[in-house]
Amino acid sequence: MVLRRDPFQAIADPTRRAILVLLASRTMSAGELALQFDIARPAVSRHLRILNECRLIQARPEGRQISYALRIEKLREIDRWLERLRAAWESRYDQLDSLLTNLNNGE
């Protein structure tokens, strides 16, 4: 059984966010990804395992290597969740803007 972690747990780490950005441009192997960071390859493998457990990436065997690809649908779920928060904050900012405008106009 594979443990499913929370995707927010995965994106909380800056290295994992950087891996997601790299995989947004193309599919890469663990070795290719490891070359992009100043950390040991086993550390990159641990980050990949967590991203895979969160279903943010997909591991695909290709011959003797495993290629990793971004699972954009999972990122869309995160974006939809963030959109609800974004809408609430934009509404609050609009209310604050109106209040400041009224105060500046002497109302």
N, C-alpha and C. Protein backbone atom coordinates (compact mmCIF):
# COMPACT_ATOMS: atom_id res chain seq x y z
N MET A 1 0.84 -1.18 0.00
CA MET A 1 0.00 0.00 0.00
C MET A 1 0.89 1.24 0.00
N VAL A 2 0.57 2.20 -0.87
CA VAL A 2 1.32 3.44 -0.96
C VAL A 2 0.62 4.50 -0.12
N LEU A 3 1.38 5.13 0.75
CA LEU A 3 0.87 6.20 1.58
C LEU A 3 0.58 7.41 0.70
N ARG A 4 -0.58 8.01 0.83
CA ARG A 4 -0.92 9.22 0.08
C ARG A 4 -0.79 10.41 1.01
N ARG A 5 0.13 11.26 0.70
CA ARG A 5 0.36 12.46 1.48
C ARG A 5 -0.49 13.60 0.92
N ASP A 6 -0.60 14.63 1.71
CA ASP A 6 -1.30 15.84 1.31
C ASP A 6 -0.42 16.60 0.31
N PRO A 7 -0.97 17.03 -0.82
CA PRO A 7 -0.15 17.76 -1.80
C PRO A 7 0.43 19.06 -1.24
N PHE A 8 -0.24 19.66 -0.28
CA PHE A 8 0.29 20.90 0.31
C PHE A 8 1.54 20.62 1.12
N GLN A 9 1.64 19.42 1.64
CA GLN A 9 2.86 18.99 2.33
C GLN A 9 4.02 18.96 1.34
N ALA A 10 3.73 18.54 0.13
CA ALA A 10 4.77 18.45 -0.88
C ALA A 10 5.23 19.83 -1.35
N ILE A 11 4.29 20.73 -1.61
CA ILE A 11 4.69 22.02 -2.16
C ILE A 11 5.20 22.98 -1.08
N ALA A 12 5.17 22.55 0.18
CA ALA A 12 5.72 23.38 1.26
C ALA A 12 7.24 23.45 1.18
N ASP A 13 7.86 22.49 0.53
CA ASP A 13 9.32 22.43 0.46
C ASP A 13 9.82 23.12 -0.82
N PRO A 14 10.78 24.04 -0.70
CA PRO A 14 11.27 24.76 -1.88
C PRO A 14 11.93 23.87 -2.94
N THR A 15 12.60 22.82 -2.52
CA THR A 15 13.22 21.91 -3.49
C THR A 15 12.16 21.19 -4.29
N ARG A 16 11.11 20.75 -3.63
CA ARG A 16 10.03 20.06 -4.35
C ARG A 16 9.31 21.01 -5.29
N ARG A 17 9.13 22.26 -4.88
CA ARG A 17 8.52 23.24 -5.78
C ARG A 17 9.41 23.44 -7.01
N ALA A 18 10.71 23.49 -6.79
CA ALA A 18 11.65 23.65 -7.91
C ALA A 18 11.59 22.44 -8.85
N ILE A 19 11.46 21.26 -8.29
CA ILE A 19 11.34 20.05 -9.12
C ILE A 19 10.07 20.14 -9.97
N LEU A 20 8.97 20.59 -9.39
CA LEU A 20 7.73 20.73 -10.15
C LEU A 20 7.90 21.73 -11.30
N VAL A 21 8.61 22.82 -11.04
CA VAL A 21 8.85 23.81 -12.10
C VAL A 21 9.66 23.17 -13.22
N LEU A 22 10.69 22.43 -12.88
CA LEU A 22 11.51 21.76 -13.90
C LEU A 22 10.68 20.77 -14.71
N LEU A 23 9.84 20.01 -14.02
CA LEU A 23 9.03 19.00 -14.72
C LEU A 23 7.91 19.63 -15.53
N ALA A 24 7.59 20.88 -15.26
CA ALA A 24 6.57 21.58 -16.07
C ALA A 24 7.07 21.80 -17.49
N SER A 25 8.40 21.86 -17.66
CA SER A 25 8.94 22.09 -18.99
C SER A 25 9.13 20.79 -19.77
N ARG A 26 9.47 19.70 -19.06
CA ARG A 26 9.66 18.42 -19.77
C ARG A 26 9.80 17.28 -18.77
N THR A 27 9.66 16.06 -19.27
CA THR A 27 9.87 14.85 -18.49
C THR A 27 11.38 14.70 -18.25
N MET A 28 11.75 14.30 -17.03
CA MET A 28 13.16 14.16 -16.68
C MET A 28 13.37 12.93 -15.82
N SER A 29 14.58 12.39 -15.86
CA SER A 29 14.96 11.28 -14.98
C SER A 29 15.44 11.85 -13.65
N ALA A 30 15.58 10.99 -12.66
CA ALA A 30 16.08 11.42 -11.35
C ALA A 30 17.49 11.98 -11.49
N GLY A 31 18.29 11.36 -12.33
CA GLY A 31 19.66 11.84 -12.54
C GLY A 31 19.70 13.23 -13.15
N GLU A 32 18.84 13.46 -14.14
CA GLU A 32 18.77 14.80 -14.76
C GLU A 32 18.33 15.84 -13.74
N LEU A 33 17.37 15.47 -12.92
CA LEU A 33 16.90 16.40 -11.89
C LEU A 33 17.99 16.66 -10.86
N ALA A 34 18.69 15.62 -10.46
CA ALA A 34 19.73 15.77 -9.44
C ALA A 34 20.82 16.73 -9.88
N LEU A 35 21.09 16.80 -11.18
CA LEU A 35 22.11 17.71 -11.69
C LEU A 35 21.72 19.18 -11.49
N GLN A 36 20.44 19.43 -11.29
CA GLN A 36 19.95 20.81 -11.14
C GLN A 36 20.08 21.34 -9.71
N PHE A 37 20.46 20.47 -8.77
CA PHE A 37 20.47 20.83 -7.36
C PHE A 37 21.82 20.53 -6.72
N ASP A 38 22.10 21.25 -5.68
CA ASP A 38 23.34 21.04 -4.93
C ASP A 38 23.06 20.15 -3.72
N ILE A 39 22.38 19.04 -3.97
CA ILE A 39 22.08 18.06 -2.93
C ILE A 39 22.38 16.67 -3.49
N ALA A 40 22.51 15.72 -2.61
CA ALA A 40 22.83 14.34 -3.02
C ALA A 40 21.66 13.73 -3.80
N ARG A 41 22.00 12.84 -4.71
CA ARG A 41 20.96 12.18 -5.51
C ARG A 41 19.93 11.44 -4.64
N PRO A 42 20.33 10.76 -3.53
CA PRO A 42 19.31 10.13 -2.68
C PRO A 42 18.30 11.14 -2.11
N ALA A 43 18.76 12.37 -1.85
CA ALA A 43 17.84 13.40 -1.36
C ALA A 43 16.83 13.76 -2.44
N VAL A 44 17.29 13.87 -3.68
CA VAL A 44 16.38 14.14 -4.79
C VAL A 44 15.38 12.99 -4.93
N SER A 45 15.86 11.78 -4.77
CA SER A 45 14.96 10.61 -4.85
C SER A 45 13.90 10.65 -3.76
N ARG A 46 14.26 11.09 -2.57
CA ARG A 46 13.26 11.21 -1.49
C ARG A 46 12.21 12.26 -1.85
N HIS A 47 12.66 13.38 -2.42
CA HIS A 47 11.70 14.41 -2.85
C HIS A 47 10.78 13.87 -3.93
N LEU A 48 11.33 13.12 -4.87
CA LEU A 48 10.52 12.52 -5.93
C LEU A 48 9.51 11.53 -5.36
N ARG A 49 9.93 10.76 -4.37
CA ARG A 49 9.01 9.80 -3.74
C ARG A 49 7.82 10.54 -3.12
N ILE A 50 8.10 11.62 -2.41
CA ILE A 50 7.02 12.38 -1.77
C ILE A 50 6.09 12.98 -2.82
N LEU A 51 6.66 13.57 -3.87
CA LEU A 51 5.83 14.13 -4.94
C LEU A 51 4.98 13.06 -5.61
N ASN A 52 5.54 11.87 -5.77
CA ASN A 52 4.79 10.76 -6.35
C ASN A 52 3.67 10.30 -5.42
N GLU A 53 3.97 10.22 -4.13
CA GLU A 53 2.95 9.82 -3.15
C GLU A 53 1.79 10.82 -3.12
N CYS A 54 2.09 12.07 -3.39
CA CYS A 54 1.06 13.11 -3.43
C CYS A 54 0.36 13.17 -4.78
N ARG A 55 0.81 12.34 -5.70
CA ARG A 55 0.27 12.27 -7.06
C ARG A 55 0.48 13.56 -7.85
N LEU A 56 1.52 14.31 -7.49
CA LEU A 56 1.84 15.52 -8.24
C LEU A 56 2.72 15.21 -9.44
N ILE A 57 3.38 14.06 -9.39
CA ILE A 57 4.18 13.59 -10.53
C ILE A 57 3.84 12.14 -10.79
N GLN A 58 4.25 11.68 -11.96
CA GLN A 58 4.05 10.29 -12.33
C GLN A 58 5.40 9.71 -12.74
N ALA A 59 5.71 8.54 -12.19
CA ALA A 59 6.95 7.84 -12.54
C ALA A 59 6.63 6.85 -13.66
N ARG A 60 7.45 6.91 -14.74
CA ARG A 60 7.25 6.02 -15.87
C ARG A 60 8.56 5.31 -16.20
N PRO A 61 8.56 3.99 -16.09
CA PRO A 61 9.77 3.25 -16.49
C PRO A 61 10.02 3.40 -17.99
N GLU A 62 11.26 3.73 -18.33
CA GLU A 62 11.67 3.83 -19.74
C GLU A 62 13.01 3.12 -19.86
N GLY A 63 12.95 1.86 -20.19
CA GLY A 63 14.17 1.06 -20.25
C GLY A 63 14.71 0.87 -18.84
N ARG A 64 15.96 1.22 -18.63
CA ARG A 64 16.57 1.06 -17.31
C ARG A 64 16.36 2.27 -16.41
N GLN A 65 15.81 3.31 -16.96
CA GLN A 65 15.59 4.53 -16.18
C GLN A 65 14.12 4.73 -15.88
N ILE A 66 13.87 5.60 -14.93
CA ILE A 66 12.51 6.02 -14.63
C ILE A 66 12.44 7.50 -14.96
N SER A 67 11.46 7.86 -15.77
CA SER A 67 11.23 9.27 -16.10
C SER A 67 10.09 9.78 -15.25
N TYR A 68 10.19 11.04 -14.89
CA TYR A 68 9.17 11.67 -14.06
C TYR A 68 8.50 12.77 -14.85
N ALA A 69 7.18 12.80 -14.76
CA ALA A 69 6.39 13.79 -15.47
C ALA A 69 5.43 14.46 -14.49
N LEU A 70 5.12 15.69 -14.76
CA LEU A 70 4.18 16.45 -13.95
C LEU A 70 2.76 15.96 -14.21
N ARG A 71 1.98 15.84 -13.15
CA ARG A 71 0.56 15.49 -13.28
C ARG A 71 -0.23 16.78 -13.08
N ILE A 72 -0.48 17.45 -14.17
CA ILE A 72 -1.07 18.78 -14.13
C ILE A 72 -2.46 18.78 -13.50
N GLU A 73 -3.20 17.69 -13.62
CA GLU A 73 -4.55 17.66 -13.06
C GLU A 73 -4.54 17.82 -11.55
N LYS A 74 -3.53 17.30 -10.88
CA LYS A 74 -3.43 17.44 -9.43
C LYS A 74 -3.11 18.88 -9.06
N LEU A 75 -2.27 19.54 -9.86
CA LEU A 75 -1.98 20.95 -9.61
C LEU A 75 -3.21 21.81 -9.83
N ARG A 76 -4.05 21.41 -10.75
CA ARG A 76 -5.31 22.15 -10.97
C ARG A 76 -6.20 22.06 -9.74
N GLU A 77 -6.20 20.93 -9.05
CA GLU A 77 -6.98 20.80 -7.81
C GLU A 77 -6.49 21.81 -6.77
N ILE A 78 -5.18 21.94 -6.65
CA ILE A 78 -4.60 22.91 -5.72
C ILE A 78 -5.00 24.32 -6.14
N ASP A 79 -4.92 24.59 -7.44
CA ASP A 79 -5.28 25.92 -7.94
C ASP A 79 -6.74 26.25 -7.66
N ARG A 80 -7.63 25.28 -7.82
CA ARG A 80 -9.06 25.52 -7.52
C ARG A 80 -9.26 25.84 -6.05
N TRP A 81 -8.53 25.17 -5.18
CA TRP A 81 -8.62 25.44 -3.75
C TRP A 81 -8.11 26.85 -3.45
N LEU A 82 -6.98 27.20 -4.06
CA LEU A 82 -6.41 28.53 -3.86
C LEU A 82 -7.31 29.62 -4.43
N GLU A 83 -8.01 29.33 -5.50
CA GLU A 83 -8.90 30.31 -6.12
C GLU A 83 -9.99 30.75 -5.15
N ARG A 84 -10.51 29.82 -4.35
CA ARG A 84 -11.52 30.20 -3.36
C ARG A 84 -10.96 31.19 -2.36
N LEU A 85 -9.73 30.95 -1.92
CA LEU A 85 -9.09 31.88 -0.99
C LEU A 85 -8.78 33.22 -1.67
N ARG A 86 -8.31 33.13 -2.91
CA ARG A 86 -7.99 34.34 -3.68
C ARG A 86 -9.23 35.22 -3.82
N ALA A 87 -10.37 34.62 -4.13
CA ALA A 87 -11.60 35.38 -4.30
C ALA A 87 -12.01 36.06 -2.99
N ALA A 88 -11.88 35.36 -1.88
CA ALA A 88 -12.22 35.94 -0.58
C ALA A 88 -11.31 37.12 -0.26
N TRP A 89 -10.01 36.97 -0.50
CA TRP A 89 -9.07 38.05 -0.20
C TRP A 89 -9.26 39.23 -1.14
N GLU A 90 -9.56 38.98 -2.40
CA GLU A 90 -9.79 40.09 -3.33
C GLU A 90 -11.00 40.89 -2.90
N SER A 91 -12.02 40.21 -2.41
CA SER A 91 -13.21 40.90 -1.91
C SER A 91 -12.85 41.78 -0.71
N ARG A 92 -12.02 41.26 0.18
CA ARG A 92 -11.60 42.04 1.34
C ARG A 92 -10.75 43.23 0.92
N TYR A 93 -9.88 43.04 -0.04
CA TYR A 93 -9.07 44.16 -0.54
C TYR A 93 -9.94 45.22 -1.20
N ASP A 94 -10.96 44.79 -1.93
CA ASP A 94 -11.88 45.75 -2.55
C ASP A 94 -12.60 46.55 -1.48
N GLN A 95 -13.02 45.89 -0.40
CA GLN A 95 -13.69 46.60 0.70
C GLN A 95 -12.74 47.59 1.35
N LEU A 96 -11.50 47.20 1.56
CA LEU A 96 -10.50 48.08 2.15
C LEU A 96 -10.23 49.27 1.22
N ASP A 97 -10.13 49.00 -0.06
CA ASP A 97 -9.91 50.07 -1.03
C ASP A 97 -11.05 51.08 -0.99
N SER A 98 -12.30 50.60 -0.93
CA SER A 98 -13.45 51.50 -0.84
C SER A 98 -13.40 52.32 0.45
N LEU A 99 -13.06 51.69 1.54
CA LEU A 99 -12.97 52.39 2.82
C LEU A 99 -11.91 53.48 2.75
N LEU A 100 -10.74 53.16 2.22
CA LEU A 100 -9.66 54.15 2.12
C LEU A 100 -10.04 55.30 1.19
N THR A 101 -10.70 54.97 0.10
CA THR A 101 -11.16 56.02 -0.82
C THR A 101 -12.14 56.95 -0.13
N ASN A 102 -13.08 56.37 0.62
CA ASN A 102 -14.05 57.18 1.36
C ASN A 102 -13.37 58.04 2.40
N LEU A 103 -12.38 57.51 3.10
CA LEU A 103 -11.67 58.27 4.12
C LEU A 103 -10.88 59.41 3.48
N ASN A 104 -10.28 59.14 2.35
CA ASN A 104 -9.51 60.18 1.65
C ASN A 104 -10.40 61.29 1.08
N ASN A 105 -11.63 60.94 0.76
CA ASN A 105 -12.57 61.92 0.22
C ASN A 105 -13.34 62.64 1.33
N GLY A 106 -13.04 62.35 2.58
CA GLY A 106 -13.67 63.03 3.72
C GLY A 106 -15.07 62.54 4.04
N GLU A 107 -15.41 61.37 3.61
CA GLU A 107 -16.76 60.85 3.90
C GLU A 107 -16.82 60.17 5.24
